[in-house]
Amino acid sequence: MSRAAEDPLVAQAFDPGKHEQLAQAIENLTSEEAQFFLHRLENAIRKRKIQLTGYLAALAIWLVTMTGAMFYCFFTEGGFVLWVFLIPFASVGAILYGFGRWSERAGNRPQKAIPADKL
C-alpha cells in the first residue's frame, strides 16, 4: 500500500508561519478548487484528530496495564511472571496500529459530488 504524502497546500494550514501565504493562495482559487481544498483540509484535520486520540488512548491503556502488571508481579509468589510486562506493550502496539489504519481511511475519504447550484 503506498502512502500518499500530505498535500503541500494543506500542510501549510498547520504551519503558523505560512498562514499569510496560505490566505493569499486561497483567495485566488475558483469555487471548485476551494471546495476541493476544503475537503482535503477537513480530511487532514480528521486524520490528525484520530491519530491524537489513538496516542492518548494508547498512553492511558499502557499506564493501566503497566500498573496492573507491576501489581501482579509484586504480589505473585514464585514462578516466572515477567511475561505480564509484554501485555502493556502489545496493547499499545495494537491500539496504535488500529488507530493508524482508521486515520488513513479517514484521511483518504473521497469527495462527494456537489450540485452546480450549491457552488
PDB file of N, CA and C in Angstrom:
ATOM      1  N   MET A   1       0.846  -1.164   0.000  1.00  0.00           N
ATOM      2  CA  MET A   1       0.000   0.000   0.000  1.00  0.00           C
ATOM      3  C   MET A   1       0.895   1.232   0.000  1.00  0.00           C
ATOM      4  N   SER A   2       0.732   2.113  -0.960  1.00  0.00           N
ATOM      5  CA  SER A   2       1.539   3.324  -0.997  1.00  0.00           C
ATOM      6  C   SER A   2       0.888   4.396  -0.132  1.00  0.00           C
ATOM      7  N   ARG A   3       1.720   5.123   0.533  1.00  0.00           N
ATOM      8  CA  ARG A   3       1.221   6.187   1.397  1.00  0.00           C
ATOM      9  C   ARG A   3       1.343   7.509   0.652  1.00  0.00           C
ATOM     10  N   ALA A   4       0.221   8.152   0.461  1.00  0.00           N
ATOM     11  CA  ALA A   4       0.226   9.433  -0.228  1.00  0.00           C
ATOM     12  C   ALA A   4       0.695  10.519   0.730  1.00  0.00           C
ATOM     13  N   ALA A   5       1.584  11.352   0.231  1.00  0.00           N
ATOM     14  CA  ALA A   5       2.074  12.458   1.048  1.00  0.00           C
ATOM     15  C   ALA A   5       0.964  13.496   1.187  1.00  0.00           C
ATOM     16  N   GLU A   6       1.013  14.205   2.288  1.00  0.00           N
ATOM     17  CA  GLU A   6       0.011  15.236   2.526  1.00  0.00           C
ATOM     18  C   GLU A   6       0.192  16.356   1.507  1.00  0.00           C
ATOM     19  N   ASP A   7      -0.906  16.903   1.045  1.00  0.00           N
ATOM     20  CA  ASP A   7      -0.889  17.987   0.082  1.00  0.00           C
ATOM     21  C   ASP A   7      -0.105  19.166   0.664  1.00  0.00           C
ATOM     22  N   PRO A   8       0.869  19.727  -0.077  1.00  0.00           N
ATOM     23  CA  PRO A   8       1.675  20.831   0.468  1.00  0.00           C
ATOM     24  C   PRO A   8       0.836  22.047   0.871  1.00  0.00           C
ATOM     25  N   LEU A   9      -0.228  22.316   0.124  1.00  0.00           N
ATOM     26  CA  LEU A   9      -1.083  23.450   0.467  1.00  0.00           C
ATOM     27  C   LEU A   9      -1.810  23.196   1.778  1.00  0.00           C
ATOM     28  N   VAL A  10      -2.241  21.962   2.001  1.00  0.00           N
ATOM     29  CA  VAL A  10      -2.900  21.594   3.254  1.00  0.00           C
ATOM     30  C   VAL A  10      -1.896  21.613   4.400  1.00  0.00           C
ATOM     31  N   ALA A  11      -0.663  21.184   4.139  1.00  0.00           N
ATOM     32  CA  ALA A  11       0.362  21.185   5.184  1.00  0.00           C
ATOM     33  C   ALA A  11       0.662  22.601   5.658  1.00  0.00           C
ATOM     34  N   GLN A  12       0.525  23.581   4.776  1.00  0.00           N
ATOM     35  CA  GLN A  12       0.743  24.968   5.176  1.00  0.00           C
ATOM     36  C   GLN A  12      -0.293  25.450   6.180  1.00  0.00           C
ATOM     37  N   ALA A  13      -1.456  24.847   6.165  1.00  0.00           N
ATOM     38  CA  ALA A  13      -2.507  25.254   7.099  1.00  0.00           C
ATOM     39  C   ALA A  13      -2.118  24.945   8.535  1.00  0.00           C
ATOM     40  N   PHE A  14      -1.215  23.979   8.731  1.00  0.00           N
ATOM     41  CA  PHE A  14      -0.786  23.603  10.079  1.00  0.00           C
ATOM     42  C   PHE A  14       0.513  24.305  10.482  1.00  0.00           C
ATOM     43  N   ASP A  15       1.084  25.100   9.599  1.00  0.00           N
ATOM     44  CA  ASP A  15       2.319  25.831   9.892  1.00  0.00           C
ATOM     45  C   ASP A  15       1.970  27.295  10.159  1.00  0.00           C
ATOM     46  N   PRO A  16       2.069  27.760  11.411  1.00  0.00           N
ATOM     47  CA  PRO A  16       1.667  29.131  11.739  1.00  0.00           C
ATOM     48  C   PRO A  16       2.438  30.192  10.964  1.00  0.00           C
ATOM     49  N   GLY A  17       3.650  29.921  10.548  1.00  0.00           N
ATOM     50  CA  GLY A  17       4.439  30.906   9.833  1.00  0.00           C
ATOM     51  C   GLY A  17       3.999  31.122   8.397  1.00  0.00           C
ATOM     52  N   LYS A  18       3.194  30.235   7.872  1.00  0.00           N
ATOM     53  CA  LYS A  18       2.791  30.326   6.465  1.00  0.00           C
ATOM     54  C   LYS A  18       1.317  30.650   6.285  1.00  0.00           C
ATOM     55  N   HIS A  19       0.664  31.123   7.307  1.00  0.00           N
ATOM     56  CA  HIS A  19      -0.765  31.418   7.203  1.00  0.00           C
ATOM     57  C   HIS A  19      -1.051  32.559   6.224  1.00  0.00           C
ATOM     58  N   GLU A  20      -0.175  33.552   6.169  1.00  0.00           N
ATOM     59  CA  GLU A  20      -0.388  34.676   5.241  1.00  0.00           C
ATOM     60  C   GLU A  20      -0.310  34.192   3.792  1.00  0.00           C
ATOM     61  N   GLN A  21       0.702  33.377   3.481  1.00  0.00           N
ATOM     62  CA  GLN A  21       0.830  32.840   2.126  1.00  0.00           C
ATOM     63  C   GLN A  21      -0.366  31.975   1.773  1.00  0.00           C
ATOM     64  N   LEU A  22      -0.827  31.209   2.736  1.00  0.00           N
ATOM     65  CA  LEU A  22      -1.975  30.335   2.503  1.00  0.00           C
ATOM     66  C   LEU A  22      -3.227  31.162   2.227  1.00  0.00           C
ATOM     67  N   ALA A  23      -3.429  32.222   2.985  1.00  0.00           N
ATOM     68  CA  ALA A  23      -4.603  33.075   2.787  1.00  0.00           C
ATOM     69  C   ALA A  23      -4.589  33.695   1.392  1.00  0.00           C
ATOM     70  N   GLN A  24      -3.427  34.140   0.937  1.00  0.00           N
ATOM     71  CA  GLN A  24      -3.328  34.705  -0.406  1.00  0.00           C
ATOM     72  C   GLN A  24      -3.596  33.652  -1.477  1.00  0.00           C
ATOM     73  N   ALA A  25      -3.109  32.434  -1.250  1.00  0.00           N
ATOM     74  CA  ALA A  25      -3.332  31.366  -2.225  1.00  0.00           C
ATOM     75  C   ALA A  25      -4.801  30.978  -2.290  1.00  0.00           C
ATOM     76  N   ILE A  26      -5.468  30.980  -1.155  1.00  0.00           N
ATOM     77  CA  ILE A  26      -6.885  30.600  -1.122  1.00  0.00           C
ATOM     78  C   ILE A  26      -7.742  31.650  -1.810  1.00  0.00           C
ATOM     79  N   GLU A  27      -7.377  32.918  -1.696  1.00  0.00           N
ATOM     80  CA  GLU A  27      -8.148  33.984  -2.342  1.00  0.00           C
ATOM     81  C   GLU A  27      -8.164  33.843  -3.856  1.00  0.00           C
ATOM     82  N   ASN A  28      -7.146  33.227  -4.409  1.00  0.00           N
ATOM     83  CA  ASN A  28      -7.039  33.094  -5.865  1.00  0.00           C
ATOM     84  C   ASN A  28      -7.686  31.827  -6.406  1.00  0.00           C
ATOM     85  N   LEU A  29      -8.295  31.011  -5.556  1.00  0.00           N
ATOM     86  CA  LEU A  29      -8.889  29.757  -6.002  1.00  0.00           C
ATOM     87  C   LEU A  29     -10.289  29.977  -6.563  1.00  0.00           C
ATOM     88  N   THR A  30     -10.652  29.133  -7.537  1.00  0.00           N
ATOM     89  CA  THR A  30     -12.033  29.135  -8.014  1.00  0.00           C
ATOM     90  C   THR A  30     -12.897  28.415  -6.983  1.00  0.00           C
ATOM     91  N   SER A  31     -14.199  28.446  -7.148  1.00  0.00           N
ATOM     92  CA  SER A  31     -15.083  27.810  -6.170  1.00  0.00           C
ATOM     93  C   SER A  31     -14.880  26.296  -6.133  1.00  0.00           C
ATOM     94  N   GLU A  32     -14.636  25.675  -7.308  1.00  0.00           N
ATOM     95  CA  GLU A  32     -14.384  24.235  -7.331  1.00  0.00           C
ATOM     96  C   GLU A  32     -13.063  23.895  -6.643  1.00  0.00           C
ATOM     97  N   GLU A  33     -12.047  24.692  -6.898  1.00  0.00           N
ATOM     98  CA  GLU A  33     -10.749  24.463  -6.256  1.00  0.00           C
ATOM     99  C   GLU A  33     -10.833  24.691  -4.755  1.00  0.00           C
ATOM    100  N   ALA A  34     -11.590  25.708  -4.356  1.00  0.00           N
ATOM    101  CA  ALA A  34     -11.757  25.990  -2.926  1.00  0.00           C
ATOM    102  C   ALA A  34     -12.494  24.849  -2.239  1.00  0.00           C
ATOM    103  N   GLN A  35     -13.501  24.303  -2.906  1.00  0.00           N
ATOM    104  CA  GLN A  35     -14.232  23.168  -2.341  1.00  0.00           C
ATOM    105  C   GLN A  35     -13.325  21.947  -2.204  1.00  0.00           C
ATOM    106  N   PHE A  36     -12.494  21.721  -3.212  1.00  0.00           N
ATOM    107  CA  PHE A  36     -11.542  20.615  -3.166  1.00  0.00           C
ATOM    108  C   PHE A  36     -10.545  20.813  -2.025  1.00  0.00           C
ATOM    109  N   PHE A  37     -10.019  22.037  -1.876  1.00  0.00           N
ATOM    110  CA  PHE A  37      -9.083  22.328  -0.798  1.00  0.00           C
ATOM    111  C   PHE A  37      -9.741  22.154   0.565  1.00  0.00           C
ATOM    112  N   LEU A  38     -10.965  22.616   0.701  1.00  0.00           N
ATOM    113  CA  LEU A  38     -11.691  22.458   1.964  1.00  0.00           C
ATOM    114  C   LEU A  38     -11.872  20.983   2.308  1.00  0.00           C
ATOM    115  N   HIS A  39     -12.200  20.182   1.311  1.00  0.00           N
ATOM    116  CA  HIS A  39     -12.345  18.737   1.533  1.00  0.00           C
ATOM    117  C   HIS A  39     -11.031  18.131   1.999  1.00  0.00           C
ATOM    118  N   ARG A  40      -9.920  18.486   1.337  1.00  0.00           N
ATOM    119  CA  ARG A  40      -8.600  17.965   1.734  1.00  0.00           C
ATOM    120  C   ARG A  40      -8.226  18.418   3.140  1.00  0.00           C
ATOM    121  N   LEU A  41      -8.540  19.663   3.473  1.00  0.00           N
ATOM    122  CA  LEU A  41      -8.226  20.192   4.798  1.00  0.00           C
ATOM    123  C   LEU A  41      -9.051  19.488   5.874  1.00  0.00           C
ATOM    124  N   GLU A  42     -10.328  19.267   5.617  1.00  0.00           N
ATOM    125  CA  GLU A  42     -11.173  18.549   6.570  1.00  0.00           C
ATOM    126  C   GLU A  42     -10.657  17.123   6.781  1.00  0.00           C
ATOM    127  N   ASN A  43     -10.241  16.461   5.715  1.00  0.00           N
ATOM    128  CA  ASN A  43      -9.688  15.103   5.843  1.00  0.00           C
ATOM    129  C   ASN A  43      -8.402  15.117   6.672  1.00  0.00           C
ATOM    130  N   ALA A  44      -7.541  16.107   6.447  1.00  0.00           N
ATOM    131  CA  ALA A  44      -6.286  16.190   7.201  1.00  0.00           C
ATOM    132  C   ALA A  44      -6.547  16.443   8.681  1.00  0.00           C
ATOM    133  N   ILE A  45      -7.498  17.310   8.983  1.00  0.00           N
ATOM    134  CA  ILE A  45      -7.834  17.592  10.387  1.00  0.00           C
ATOM    135  C   ILE A  45      -8.445  16.364  11.039  1.00  0.00           C
ATOM    136  N   ARG A  46      -9.346  15.685  10.337  1.00  0.00           N
ATOM    137  CA  ARG A  46      -9.958  14.467  10.869  1.00  0.00           C
ATOM    138  C   ARG A  46      -8.895  13.405  11.141  1.00  0.00           C
ATOM    139  N   LYS A  47      -7.953  13.265  10.216  1.00  0.00           N
ATOM    140  CA  LYS A  47      -6.880  12.281  10.369  1.00  0.00           C
ATOM    141  C   LYS A  47      -6.027  12.600  11.597  1.00  0.00           C
ATOM    142  N   ARG A  48      -5.676  13.853  11.770  1.00  0.00           N
ATOM    143  CA  ARG A  48      -4.847  14.232  12.921  1.00  0.00           C
ATOM    144  C   ARG A  48      -5.592  14.075  14.239  1.00  0.00           C
ATOM    145  N   LYS A  49      -6.887  14.337  14.250  1.00  0.00           N
ATOM    146  CA  LYS A  49      -7.675  14.136  15.477  1.00  0.00           C
ATOM    147  C   LYS A  49      -7.713  12.657  15.859  1.00  0.00           C
ATOM    148  N   ILE A  50      -7.899  11.798  14.883  1.00  0.00           N
ATOM    149  CA  ILE A  50      -7.932  10.357  15.154  1.00  0.00           C
ATOM    150  C   ILE A  50      -6.578   9.887  15.653  1.00  0.00           C
ATOM    151  N   GLN A  51      -5.507  10.373  15.048  1.00  0.00           N
ATOM    152  CA  GLN A  51      -4.170   9.986  15.493  1.00  0.00           C
ATOM    153  C   GLN A  51      -3.918  10.447  16.929  1.00  0.00           C
ATOM    154  N   LEU A  52      -4.292  11.675  17.247  1.00  0.00           N
ATOM    155  CA  LEU A  52      -4.103  12.180  18.606  1.00  0.00           C
ATOM    156  C   LEU A  52      -4.917  11.380  19.607  1.00  0.00           C
ATOM    157  N   THR A  53      -6.138  11.037  19.247  1.00  0.00           N
ATOM    158  CA  THR A  53      -6.964  10.200  20.122  1.00  0.00           C
ATOM    159  C   THR A  53      -6.316   8.838  20.333  1.00  0.00           C
ATOM    160  N   GLY A  54      -5.743   8.275  19.290  1.00  0.00           N
ATOM    161  CA  GLY A  54      -5.047   6.999  19.402  1.00  0.00           C
ATOM    162  C   GLY A  54      -3.844   7.078  20.321  1.00  0.00           C
ATOM    163  N   TYR A  55      -3.068   8.159  20.217  1.00  0.00           N
ATOM    164  CA  TYR A  55      -1.912   8.330  21.096  1.00  0.00           C
ATOM    165  C   TYR A  55      -2.354   8.419  22.555  1.00  0.00           C
ATOM    166  N   LEU A  56      -3.403   9.192  22.809  1.00  0.00           N
ATOM    167  CA  LEU A  56      -3.878   9.344  24.186  1.00  0.00           C
ATOM    168  C   LEU A  56      -4.467   8.035  24.721  1.00  0.00           C
ATOM    169  N   ALA A  57      -5.198   7.322  23.880  1.00  0.00           N
ATOM    170  CA  ALA A  57      -5.759   6.035  24.307  1.00  0.00           C
ATOM    171  C   ALA A  57      -4.644   5.034  24.590  1.00  0.00           C
ATOM    172  N   ALA A  58      -3.626   5.008  23.737  1.00  0.00           N
ATOM    173  CA  ALA A  58      -2.502   4.087  23.953  1.00  0.00           C
ATOM    174  C   ALA A  58      -1.764   4.427  25.247  1.00  0.00           C
ATOM    175  N   LEU A  59      -1.587   5.710  25.517  1.00  0.00           N
ATOM    176  CA  LEU A  59      -0.920   6.117  26.746  1.00  0.00           C
ATOM    177  C   LEU A  59      -1.724   5.694  27.971  1.00  0.00           C
ATOM    178  N   ALA A  60      -3.037   5.892  27.926  1.00  0.00           N
ATOM    179  CA  ALA A  60      -3.885   5.509  29.063  1.00  0.00           C
ATOM    180  C   ALA A  60      -3.886   3.996  29.268  1.00  0.00           C
ATOM    181  N   ILE A  61      -4.007   3.248  28.179  1.00  0.00           N
ATOM    182  CA  ILE A  61      -4.004   1.786  28.288  1.00  0.00           C
ATOM    183  C   ILE A  61      -2.653   1.290  28.793  1.00  0.00           C
ATOM    184  N   TRP A  62      -1.561   1.898  28.309  1.00  0.00           N
ATOM    185  CA  TRP A  62      -0.241   1.498  28.774  1.00  0.00           C
ATOM    186  C   TRP A  62      -0.112   1.729  30.279  1.00  0.00           C
ATOM    187  N   LEU A  63      -0.570   2.884  30.754  1.00  0.00           N
ATOM    188  CA  LEU A  63      -0.473   3.196  32.180  1.00  0.00           C
ATOM    189  C   LEU A  63      -1.268   2.195  33.020  1.00  0.00           C
ATOM    190  N   VAL A  64      -2.475   1.892  32.603  1.00  0.00           N
ATOM    191  CA  VAL A  64      -3.322   0.957  33.352  1.00  0.00           C
ATOM    192  C   VAL A  64      -2.737  -0.448  33.330  1.00  0.00           C
ATOM    193  N   THR A  65      -2.341  -0.922  32.152  1.00  0.00           N
ATOM    194  CA  THR A  65      -1.832  -2.297  32.072  1.00  0.00           C
ATOM    195  C   THR A  65      -0.454  -2.437  32.720  1.00  0.00           C
ATOM    196  N   MET A  66       0.367  -1.406  32.647  1.00  0.00           N
ATOM    197  CA  MET A  66       1.677  -1.473  33.305  1.00  0.00           C
ATOM    198  C   MET A  66       1.512  -1.485  34.822  1.00  0.00           C
ATOM    199  N   THR A  67       0.584  -0.694  35.331  1.00  0.00           N
ATOM    200  CA  THR A  67       0.305  -0.715  36.770  1.00  0.00           C
ATOM    201  C   THR A  67      -0.215  -2.092  37.185  1.00  0.00           C
ATOM    202  N   GLY A  68      -1.105  -2.641  36.405  1.00  0.00           N
ATOM    203  CA  GLY A  68      -1.616  -3.983  36.692  1.00  0.00           C
ATOM    204  C   GLY A  68      -0.514  -5.033  36.640  1.00  0.00           C
ATOM    205  N   ALA A  69       0.386  -4.914  35.679  1.00  0.00           N
ATOM    206  CA  ALA A  69       1.491  -5.869  35.560  1.00  0.00           C
ATOM    207  C   ALA A  69       2.416  -5.771  36.770  1.00  0.00           C
ATOM    208  N   MET A  70       2.666  -4.554  37.237  1.00  0.00           N
ATOM    209  CA  MET A  70       3.524  -4.395  38.419  1.00  0.00           C
ATOM    210  C   MET A  70       2.876  -5.004  39.660  1.00  0.00           C
ATOM    211  N   PHE A  71       1.586  -4.740  39.837  1.00  0.00           N
ATOM    212  CA  PHE A  71       0.888  -5.336  40.981  1.00  0.00           C
ATOM    213  C   PHE A  71       0.912  -6.860  40.898  1.00  0.00           C
ATOM    214  N   TYR A  72       0.668  -7.391  39.716  1.00  0.00           N
ATOM    215  CA  TYR A  72       0.678  -8.842  39.544  1.00  0.00           C
ATOM    216  C   TYR A  72       2.063  -9.413  39.843  1.00  0.00           C
ATOM    217  N   CYS A  73       3.104  -8.738  39.358  1.00  0.00           N
ATOM    218  CA  CYS A  73       4.472  -9.219  39.565  1.00  0.00           C
ATOM    219  C   CYS A  73       4.861  -9.172  41.041  1.00  0.00           C
ATOM    220  N   PHE A  74       4.491  -8.110  41.733  1.00  0.00           N
ATOM    221  CA  PHE A  74       4.883  -7.950  43.132  1.00  0.00           C
ATOM    222  C   PHE A  74       4.091  -8.836  44.085  1.00  0.00           C
ATOM    223  N   PHE A  75       2.856  -9.142  43.744  1.00  0.00           N
ATOM    224  CA  PHE A  75       2.019  -9.889  44.671  1.00  0.00           C
ATOM    225  C   PHE A  75       1.867 -11.366  44.314  1.00  0.00           C
ATOM    226  N   THR A  76       2.560 -11.820  43.292  1.00  0.00           N
ATOM    227  CA  THR A  76       2.526 -13.231  42.924  1.00  0.00           C
ATOM    228  C   THR A  76       3.782 -13.898  43.480  1.00  0.00           C
ATOM    229  N   GLU A  77       3.569 -14.987  44.158  1.00  0.00           N
ATOM    230  CA  GLU A  77       4.709 -15.681  44.766  1.00  0.00           C
ATOM    231  C   GLU A  77       5.237 -16.758  43.827  1.00  0.00           C
ATOM    232  N   GLY A  78       6.553 -16.735  43.643  1.00  0.00           N
ATOM    233  CA  GLY A  78       7.210 -17.786  42.879  1.00  0.00           C
ATOM    234  C   GLY A  78       6.849 -17.777  41.404  1.00  0.00           C
ATOM    235  N   GLY A  79       7.645 -18.487  40.643  1.00  0.00           N
ATOM    236  CA  GLY A  79       7.357 -18.656  39.218  1.00  0.00           C
ATOM    237  C   GLY A  79       7.811 -17.461  38.384  1.00  0.00           C
ATOM    238  N   PHE A  80       7.777 -17.668  37.112  1.00  0.00           N
ATOM    239  CA  PHE A  80       8.177 -16.647  36.150  1.00  0.00           C
ATOM    240  C   PHE A  80       6.960 -15.800  35.788  1.00  0.00           C
ATOM    241  N   VAL A  81       6.955 -14.549  36.206  1.00  0.00           N
ATOM    242  CA  VAL A  81       5.803 -13.689  35.947  1.00  0.00           C
ATOM    243  C   VAL A  81       6.163 -12.464  35.120  1.00  0.00           C
ATOM    244  N   LEU A  82       7.363 -12.384  34.616  1.00  0.00           N
ATOM    245  CA  LEU A  82       7.755 -11.213  33.837  1.00  0.00           C
ATOM    246  C   LEU A  82       7.044 -11.140  32.485  1.00  0.00           C
ATOM    247  N   TRP A  83       6.389 -12.204  32.072  1.00  0.00           N
ATOM    248  CA  TRP A  83       5.644 -12.194  30.815  1.00  0.00           C
ATOM    249  C   TRP A  83       4.517 -11.171  30.854  1.00  0.00           C
ATOM    250  N   VAL A  84       4.062 -10.795  32.053  1.00  0.00           N
ATOM    251  CA  VAL A  84       2.950  -9.838  32.131  1.00  0.00           C
ATOM    252  C   VAL A  84       3.364  -8.469  31.624  1.00  0.00           C
ATOM    253  N   PHE A  85       4.668  -8.193  31.562  1.00  0.00           N
ATOM    254  CA  PHE A  85       5.122  -6.891  31.067  1.00  0.00           C
ATOM    255  C   PHE A  85       5.087  -6.803  29.543  1.00  0.00           C
ATOM    256  N   LEU A  86       4.795  -7.900  28.882  1.00  0.00           N
ATOM    257  CA  LEU A  86       4.592  -7.861  27.435  1.00  0.00           C
ATOM    258  C   LEU A  86       3.202  -7.328  27.086  1.00  0.00           C
ATOM    259  N   ILE A  87       2.253  -7.521  27.987  1.00  0.00           N
ATOM    260  CA  ILE A  87       0.866  -7.121  27.728  1.00  0.00           C
ATOM    261  C   ILE A  87       0.737  -5.616  27.502  1.00  0.00           C
ATOM    262  N   PRO A  88       1.348  -4.742  28.322  1.00  0.00           N
ATOM    263  CA  PRO A  88       1.203  -3.302  28.066  1.00  0.00           C
ATOM    264  C   PRO A  88       1.723  -2.881  26.690  1.00  0.00           C
ATOM    265  N   PHE A  89       2.851  -3.423  26.296  1.00  0.00           N
ATOM    266  CA  PHE A  89       3.431  -3.006  25.022  1.00  0.00           C
ATOM    267  C   PHE A  89       2.689  -3.614  23.835  1.00  0.00           C
ATOM    268  N   ALA A  90       2.188  -4.818  23.999  1.00  0.00           N
ATOM    269  CA  ALA A  90       1.379  -5.423  22.938  1.00  0.00           C
ATOM    270  C   ALA A  90       0.069  -4.651  22.759  1.00  0.00           C
ATOM    271  N   SER A  91      -0.530  -4.232  23.866  1.00  0.00           N
ATOM    272  CA  SER A  91      -1.782  -3.473  23.765  1.00  0.00           C
ATOM    273  C   SER A  91      -1.539  -2.105  23.140  1.00  0.00           C
ATOM    274  N   VAL A  92      -0.426  -1.455  23.468  1.00  0.00           N
ATOM    275  CA  VAL A  92      -0.096  -0.161  22.846  1.00  0.00           C
ATOM    276  C   VAL A  92       0.108  -0.343  21.344  1.00  0.00           C
ATOM    277  N   GLY A  93       0.830  -1.381  20.967  1.00  0.00           N
ATOM    278  CA  GLY A  93       1.042  -1.644  19.546  1.00  0.00           C
ATOM    279  C   GLY A  93      -0.252  -1.890  18.800  1.00  0.00           C
ATOM    280  N   ALA A  94      -1.133  -2.662  19.398  1.00  0.00           N
ATOM    281  CA  ALA A  94      -2.417  -2.950  18.747  1.00  0.00           C
ATOM    282  C   ALA A  94      -3.259  -1.688  18.616  1.00  0.00           C
ATOM    283  N   ILE A  95      -3.281  -0.869  19.645  1.00  0.00           N
ATOM    284  CA  ILE A  95      -4.072   0.370  19.607  1.00  0.00           C
ATOM    285  C   ILE A  95      -3.517   1.326  18.562  1.00  0.00           C
ATOM    286  N   LEU A  96      -2.204   1.521  18.549  1.00  0.00           N
ATOM    287  CA  LEU A  96      -1.612   2.433  17.570  1.00  0.00           C
ATOM    288  C   LEU A  96      -1.814   1.931  16.142  1.00  0.00           C
ATOM    289  N   TYR A  97      -1.724   0.622  15.947  1.00  0.00           N
ATOM    290  CA  TYR A  97      -1.964   0.061  14.618  1.00  0.00           C
ATOM    291  C   TYR A  97      -3.416   0.292  14.190  1.00  0.00           C
ATOM    292  N   GLY A  98      -4.344   0.008  15.087  1.00  0.00           N
ATOM    293  CA  GLY A  98      -5.759   0.182  14.767  1.00  0.00           C
ATOM    294  C   GLY A  98      -6.126   1.629  14.481  1.00  0.00           C
ATOM    295  N   PHE A  99      -5.669   2.537  15.327  1.00  0.00           N
ATOM    296  CA  PHE A  99      -5.972   3.949  15.104  1.00  0.00           C
ATOM    297  C   PHE A  99      -5.259   4.475  13.860  1.00  0.00           C
ATOM    298  N   GLY A 100      -4.071   3.951  13.559  1.00  0.00           N
ATOM    299  CA  GLY A 100      -3.366   4.357  12.349  1.00  0.00           C
ATOM    300  C   GLY A 100      -4.107   3.948  11.093  1.00  0.00           C
ATOM    301  N   ARG A 101      -4.607   2.725  11.084  1.00  0.00           N
ATOM    302  CA  ARG A 101      -5.407   2.267   9.933  1.00  0.00           C
ATOM    303  C   ARG A 101      -6.672   3.109   9.781  1.00  0.00           C
ATOM    304  N   TRP A 102      -7.325   3.388  10.926  1.00  0.00           N
ATOM    305  CA  TRP A 102      -8.549   4.183  10.903  1.00  0.00           C
ATOM    306  C   TRP A 102      -8.261   5.590  10.382  1.00  0.00           C
ATOM    307  N   SER A 103      -7.163   6.199  10.825  1.00  0.00           N
ATOM    308  CA  SER A 103      -6.856   7.563  10.386  1.00  0.00           C
ATOM    309  C   SER A 103      -6.496   7.599   8.902  1.00  0.00           C
ATOM    310  N   GLU A 104      -5.846   6.563   8.399  1.00  0.00           N
ATOM    311  CA  GLU A 104      -5.538   6.520   6.970  1.00  0.00           C
ATOM    312  C   GLU A 104      -6.820   6.455   6.139  1.00  0.00           C
ATOM    313  N   ARG A 105      -7.771   5.649   6.592  1.00  0.00           N
ATOM    314  CA  ARG A 105      -9.058   5.577   5.874  1.00  0.00           C
ATOM    315  C   ARG A 105      -9.791   6.904   5.956  1.00  0.00           C
ATOM    316  N   ALA A 106      -9.778   7.539   7.117  1.00  0.00           N
ATOM    317  CA  ALA A 106     -10.475   8.815   7.280  1.00  0.00           C
ATOM    318  C   ALA A 106      -9.797   9.921   6.491  1.00  0.00           C
ATOM    319  N   GLY A 107      -8.478   9.850   6.342  1.00  0.00           N
ATOM    320  CA  GLY A 107      -7.750  10.875   5.614  1.00  0.00           C
ATOM    321  C   GLY A 107      -7.860  10.744   4.109  1.00  0.00           C
ATOM    322  N   ASN A 108      -8.343   9.624   3.625  1.00  0.00           N
ATOM    323  CA  ASN A 108      -8.450   9.391   2.178  1.00  0.00           C
ATOM    324  C   ASN A 108      -9.887   9.231   1.712  1.00  0.00           C
ATOM    325  N   ARG A 109     -10.825   9.786   2.467  1.00  0.00           N
ATOM    326  CA  ARG A 109     -12.228   9.682   2.054  1.00  0.00           C
ATOM    327  C   ARG A 109     -12.446  10.427   0.747  1.00  0.00           C
ATOM    328  N   PRO A 110     -13.216   9.846  -0.169  1.00  0.00           N
ATOM    329  CA  PRO A 110     -13.467  10.534  -1.439  1.00  0.00           C
ATOM    330  C   PRO A 110     -14.412  11.721  -1.248  1.00  0.00           C
ATOM    331  N   GLN A 111     -14.269  12.674  -2.130  1.00  0.00           N
ATOM    332  CA  GLN A 111     -15.101  13.869  -2.066  1.00  0.00           C
ATOM    333  C   GLN A 111     -16.455  13.582  -2.691  1.00  0.00           C
ATOM    334  N   LYS A 112     -17.501  14.034  -2.018  1.00  0.00           N
ATOM    335  CA  LYS A 112     -18.843  13.857  -2.559  1.00  0.00           C
ATOM    336  C   LYS A 112     -19.085  14.890  -3.658  1.00  0.00           C
ATOM    337  N   ALA A 113     -19.873  14.486  -4.629  1.00  0.00           N
ATOM    338  CA  ALA A 113     -20.208  15.410  -5.711  1.00  0.00           C
ATOM    339  C   ALA A 113     -21.133  16.506  -5.189  1.00  0.00           C
ATOM    340  N   ILE A 114     -20.854  17.726  -5.574  1.00  0.00           N
ATOM    341  CA  ILE A 114     -21.650  18.870  -5.129  1.00  0.00           C
ATOM    342  C   ILE A 114     -22.428  19.396  -6.330  1.00  0.00           C
ATOM    343  N   PRO A 115     -23.721  19.558  -6.160  1.00  0.00           N
ATOM    344  CA  PRO A 115     -24.513  20.085  -7.272  1.00  0.00           C
ATOM    345  C   PRO A 115     -24.019  21.470  -7.685  1.00  0.00           C
ATOM    346  N   ALA A 116     -24.146  21.782  -8.979  1.00  0.00           N
ATOM    347  CA  ALA A 116     -23.655  23.043  -9.507  1.00  0.00           C
ATOM    348  C   ALA A 116     -24.369  24.248  -8.904  1.00  0.00           C
ATOM    349  N   ASP A 117     -25.638  24.102  -8.518  1.00  0.00           N
ATOM    350  CA  ASP A 117     -26.378  25.235  -7.953  1.00  0.00           C
ATOM    351  C   ASP A 117     -25.919  25.579  -6.535  1.00  0.00           C
ATOM    352  N   LYS A 118     -25.193  24.683  -5.860  1.00  0.00           N
ATOM    353  CA  LYS A 118     -24.706  24.929  -4.499  1.00  0.00           C
ATOM    354  C   LYS A 118     -23.336  25.580  -4.490  1.00  0.00           C
ATOM    355  N   LEU A 119     -22.663  25.655  -5.635  1.00  0.00           N
ATOM    356  CA  LEU A 119     -21.335  26.237  -5.679  1.00  0.00           C
ATOM    357  C   LEU A 119     -21.352  27.720  -5.636  1.00  0.00           C
TER     358      LEU A 119
END
